[in-house]
Amino acid sequence: MKPARDGWARFLPGGTVLALATLGPLGRRMPAPGTWGSAAGLLFFAAVFMDRYPGGDAANLVLSALAAAAAAGICGAAEARLGRRDPGEVVLDEFVAMPLCFLGWTDLRQALPAWGVMLAGFGLFRFFDIAKPLGIARLQSLPGGWGIVLDDTAAALAACVTLHAGLWVLR
């Protein structure tokens, strides 16, 4: 596998790239690493956005876009260093995508308690991330870290749409 040409993270030391891409031991030592990376992203959402939701959806979108760009570089460099396409231990992509499941948080919380929305969002995200329906699988063929990150971003947005559709049905 050729080194990532477009990734800014190619200049970082290998140990740093791998530690960031795997979220330390979550990707390297835990069973079902994608689920653990998603759980870390859920905890991040809870810590940063859930209670006060500072900046609302705009802050979620901006922070997620910046995080996705950073993650694309890191994940692409990790992929090149590991010599495998979209390695399972790379879970930074799940972490940065997870908050997107909860765009429209204030509307979602009206139908269910916060823990119910978070559990549903987590489950839907894992479903869309694993099954990759609706053309999500095609995003993996994008070059470098973008293929790693954008399929998870699409899975999170599909989970978000499904949550809002469920809210609409409940109303």
Protein backbone atom coordinates (compact mmCIF):
# COMPACT_ATOMS: atom_id res chain seq x y z
CA MET A 1 0.00 0.00 0.00
CA LYS A 2 1.37 3.41 -0.95
CA PRO A 3 1.82 6.10 1.72
CA ALA A 4 -1.01 8.60 1.93
CA ARG A 5 -0.16 11.45 -0.45
CA ASP A 6 -2.92 13.81 0.59
CA GLY A 7 -2.86 13.37 4.35
CA TRP A 8 -1.28 16.11 6.44
CA ALA A 9 -0.81 13.56 9.24
CA ARG A 10 1.85 11.69 7.26
CA PHE A 11 4.36 14.00 8.96
CA LEU A 12 3.39 12.85 12.47
CA PRO A 13 5.33 10.07 14.20
CA GLY A 14 3.86 6.62 13.59
CA GLY A 15 3.10 6.00 17.25
CA THR A 16 1.16 9.25 17.49
CA VAL A 17 -0.85 8.53 14.35
CA LEU A 18 -1.76 5.03 15.51
CA ALA A 19 -2.62 6.16 19.05
CA LEU A 20 -4.97 8.84 17.71
CA ALA A 21 -6.53 6.66 15.01
CA THR A 22 -7.21 3.78 17.41
CA LEU A 23 -8.18 6.00 20.36
CA GLY A 24 -5.46 4.24 22.28
CA PRO A 25 -6.56 0.87 23.63
CA LEU A 26 -10.17 1.13 22.36
CA GLY A 27 -9.21 0.14 18.85
CA ARG A 28 -6.29 -2.11 19.66
CA ARG A 29 -7.35 -4.17 22.65
CA MET A 30 -11.14 -4.19 22.87
CA PRO A 31 -13.40 -6.68 21.09
CA ALA A 32 -15.72 -5.02 18.52
CA PRO A 33 -13.53 -1.90 18.29
CA GLY A 34 -16.00 0.04 16.12
CA THR A 35 -18.63 -0.27 18.82
CA TRP A 36 -16.20 1.02 21.43
CA GLY A 37 -15.19 3.93 19.20
CA SER A 38 -18.88 4.74 18.72
CA ALA A 39 -19.45 4.57 22.48
CA ALA A 40 -16.58 7.02 22.99
CA GLY A 41 -18.22 9.34 20.44
CA LEU A 42 -21.52 9.03 22.29
CA LEU A 43 -19.80 9.99 25.56
CA PHE A 44 -18.18 12.93 23.77
CA PHE A 45 -21.59 14.09 22.54
CA ALA A 46 -23.01 13.73 26.06
CA ALA A 47 -20.16 15.70 27.61
CA VAL A 48 -20.05 18.51 25.07
CA PHE A 49 -23.56 18.94 23.69
CA MET A 50 -26.25 17.08 25.59
CA ASP A 51 -27.15 19.19 28.61
CA ARG A 52 -26.70 22.75 27.44
CA TYR A 53 -26.17 22.13 23.75
CA PRO A 54 -23.95 25.21 23.35
CA GLY A 55 -24.24 26.61 19.85
CA GLY A 56 -26.83 23.99 18.96
CA ASP A 57 -26.75 22.22 15.64
CA ALA A 58 -24.43 24.80 14.08
CA ALA A 59 -21.74 24.04 16.66
CA ASN A 60 -22.25 20.30 16.15
CA LEU A 61 -21.88 20.68 12.39
CA VAL A 62 -18.80 22.92 12.57
CA LEU A 63 -17.06 20.80 15.18
CA SER A 64 -17.93 17.59 13.32
CA ALA A 65 -16.67 18.99 10.00
CA LEU A 66 -13.36 20.07 11.55
CA ALA A 67 -13.03 16.75 13.36
CA ALA A 68 -13.81 14.82 10.14
CA ALA A 69 -11.12 16.71 8.23
CA ALA A 70 -8.57 16.04 10.97
CA ALA A 71 -9.67 12.40 11.22
CA ALA A 72 -9.37 11.90 7.46
CA GLY A 73 -5.70 12.83 7.62
CA ILE A 74 -5.01 10.74 10.70
CA CYS A 75 -6.98 7.70 9.51
CA GLY A 76 -5.38 7.86 6.06
CA ALA A 77 -1.91 7.98 7.58
CA ALA A 78 -2.78 5.09 9.91
CA GLU A 79 -4.10 3.06 6.99
CA ALA A 80 -0.85 3.63 5.09
CA ARG A 81 1.30 2.72 8.08
CA LEU A 82 -0.67 -0.42 8.86
CA GLY A 83 -0.65 -1.42 5.18
CA ARG A 84 -4.34 -2.38 5.19
CA ARG A 85 -7.45 -0.73 3.74
CA ASP A 86 -9.80 0.65 6.44
CA PRO A 87 -8.29 -1.39 9.31
CA GLY A 88 -10.77 -2.41 12.00
CA GLU A 89 -8.67 -1.04 14.83
CA VAL A 90 -8.95 2.49 13.40
CA VAL A 91 -11.96 3.87 15.28
CA LEU A 92 -11.42 7.63 15.17
CA ASP A 93 -13.92 7.73 12.30
CA GLU A 94 -16.73 6.37 14.49
CA PHE A 95 -15.80 8.76 17.28
CA VAL A 96 -16.00 11.90 15.14
CA ALA A 97 -19.16 10.86 13.28
CA MET A 98 -21.29 9.87 16.28
CA PRO A 99 -22.40 13.41 17.32
CA LEU A 100 -24.01 13.90 13.90
CA CYS A 101 -26.64 11.33 14.85
CA PHE A 102 -28.12 13.90 17.19
CA LEU A 103 -28.57 16.92 14.96
CA GLY A 104 -31.89 18.43 16.05
CA TRP A 105 -31.28 17.23 19.62
CA THR A 106 -33.90 19.51 21.19
CA ASP A 107 -36.61 18.10 18.91
CA LEU A 108 -35.49 14.53 19.49
CA ARG A 109 -35.60 14.92 23.28
CA GLN A 110 -39.27 15.90 23.16
CA ALA A 111 -40.33 12.39 22.18
CA LEU A 112 -38.09 10.30 24.43
CA PRO A 113 -35.91 10.82 27.46
CA ALA A 114 -32.32 11.72 26.64
CA TRP A 115 -31.03 8.21 27.41
CA GLY A 116 -33.64 6.73 25.02
CA VAL A 117 -32.63 9.04 22.19
CA MET A 118 -28.96 8.30 22.79
CA LEU A 119 -29.54 4.54 22.88
CA ALA A 120 -31.63 4.66 19.70
CA GLY A 121 -29.07 6.86 17.95
CA PHE A 122 -26.23 4.58 18.98
CA GLY A 123 -28.06 1.47 17.77
CA LEU A 124 -29.07 3.05 14.48
CA PHE A 125 -25.55 4.34 13.88
CA ARG A 126 -24.05 0.91 14.45
CA PHE A 127 -26.65 -0.62 12.11
CA PHE A 128 -25.92 1.82 9.28
CA ASP A 129 -22.15 1.63 9.89
CA ILE A 130 -22.10 -2.17 9.72
CA ALA A 131 -24.76 -2.80 7.03
CA LYS A 132 -23.77 0.21 4.88
CA PRO A 133 -27.05 0.45 2.93
CA LEU A 134 -28.20 3.39 0.79
CA GLY A 135 -24.91 3.76 -1.07
CA ILE A 136 -22.90 4.21 2.13
CA ALA A 137 -20.62 1.32 1.12
CA ARG A 138 -19.55 3.21 -2.03
CA LEU A 139 -18.07 6.00 0.08
CA GLN A 140 -15.40 3.61 1.34
CA SER A 141 -13.80 3.65 -2.09
CA LEU A 142 -12.85 7.32 -1.74
CA PRO A 143 -9.09 7.82 -1.49
CA GLY A 144 -7.11 7.86 1.73
CA GLY A 145 -8.74 8.69 5.00
CA TRP A 146 -11.76 10.26 3.30
CA GLY A 147 -13.16 6.82 2.48
CA ILE A 148 -12.69 5.77 6.10
CA VAL A 149 -14.37 8.87 7.56
CA LEU A 150 -17.15 9.67 5.08
CA ASP A 151 -18.88 6.29 5.24
CA ASP A 152 -19.25 6.79 9.00
CA THR A 153 -20.42 10.35 8.47
CA ALA A 154 -23.09 9.08 6.08
CA ALA A 155 -24.07 6.35 8.57
CA ALA A 156 -24.50 8.99 11.28
CA LEU A 157 -26.63 11.19 9.03
CA ALA A 158 -28.77 8.17 8.06
CA ALA A 159 -29.24 7.42 11.77
CA CYS A 160 -30.20 11.06 12.37
CA VAL A 161 -32.80 11.00 9.57
CA THR A 162 -34.19 7.73 10.93
CA LEU A 163 -34.43 9.18 14.45
CA HIS A 164 -36.35 12.20 13.15
CA ALA A 165 -38.61 9.96 11.06
CA GLY A 166 -39.34 7.96 14.21
CA LEU A 167 -40.12 11.20 16.04
CA TRP A 168 -42.51 12.18 13.27
CA VAL A 169 -44.26 8.80 13.53
CA LEU A 170 -44.55 9.12 17.34
CA ARG A 171 -46.18 12.52 16.99
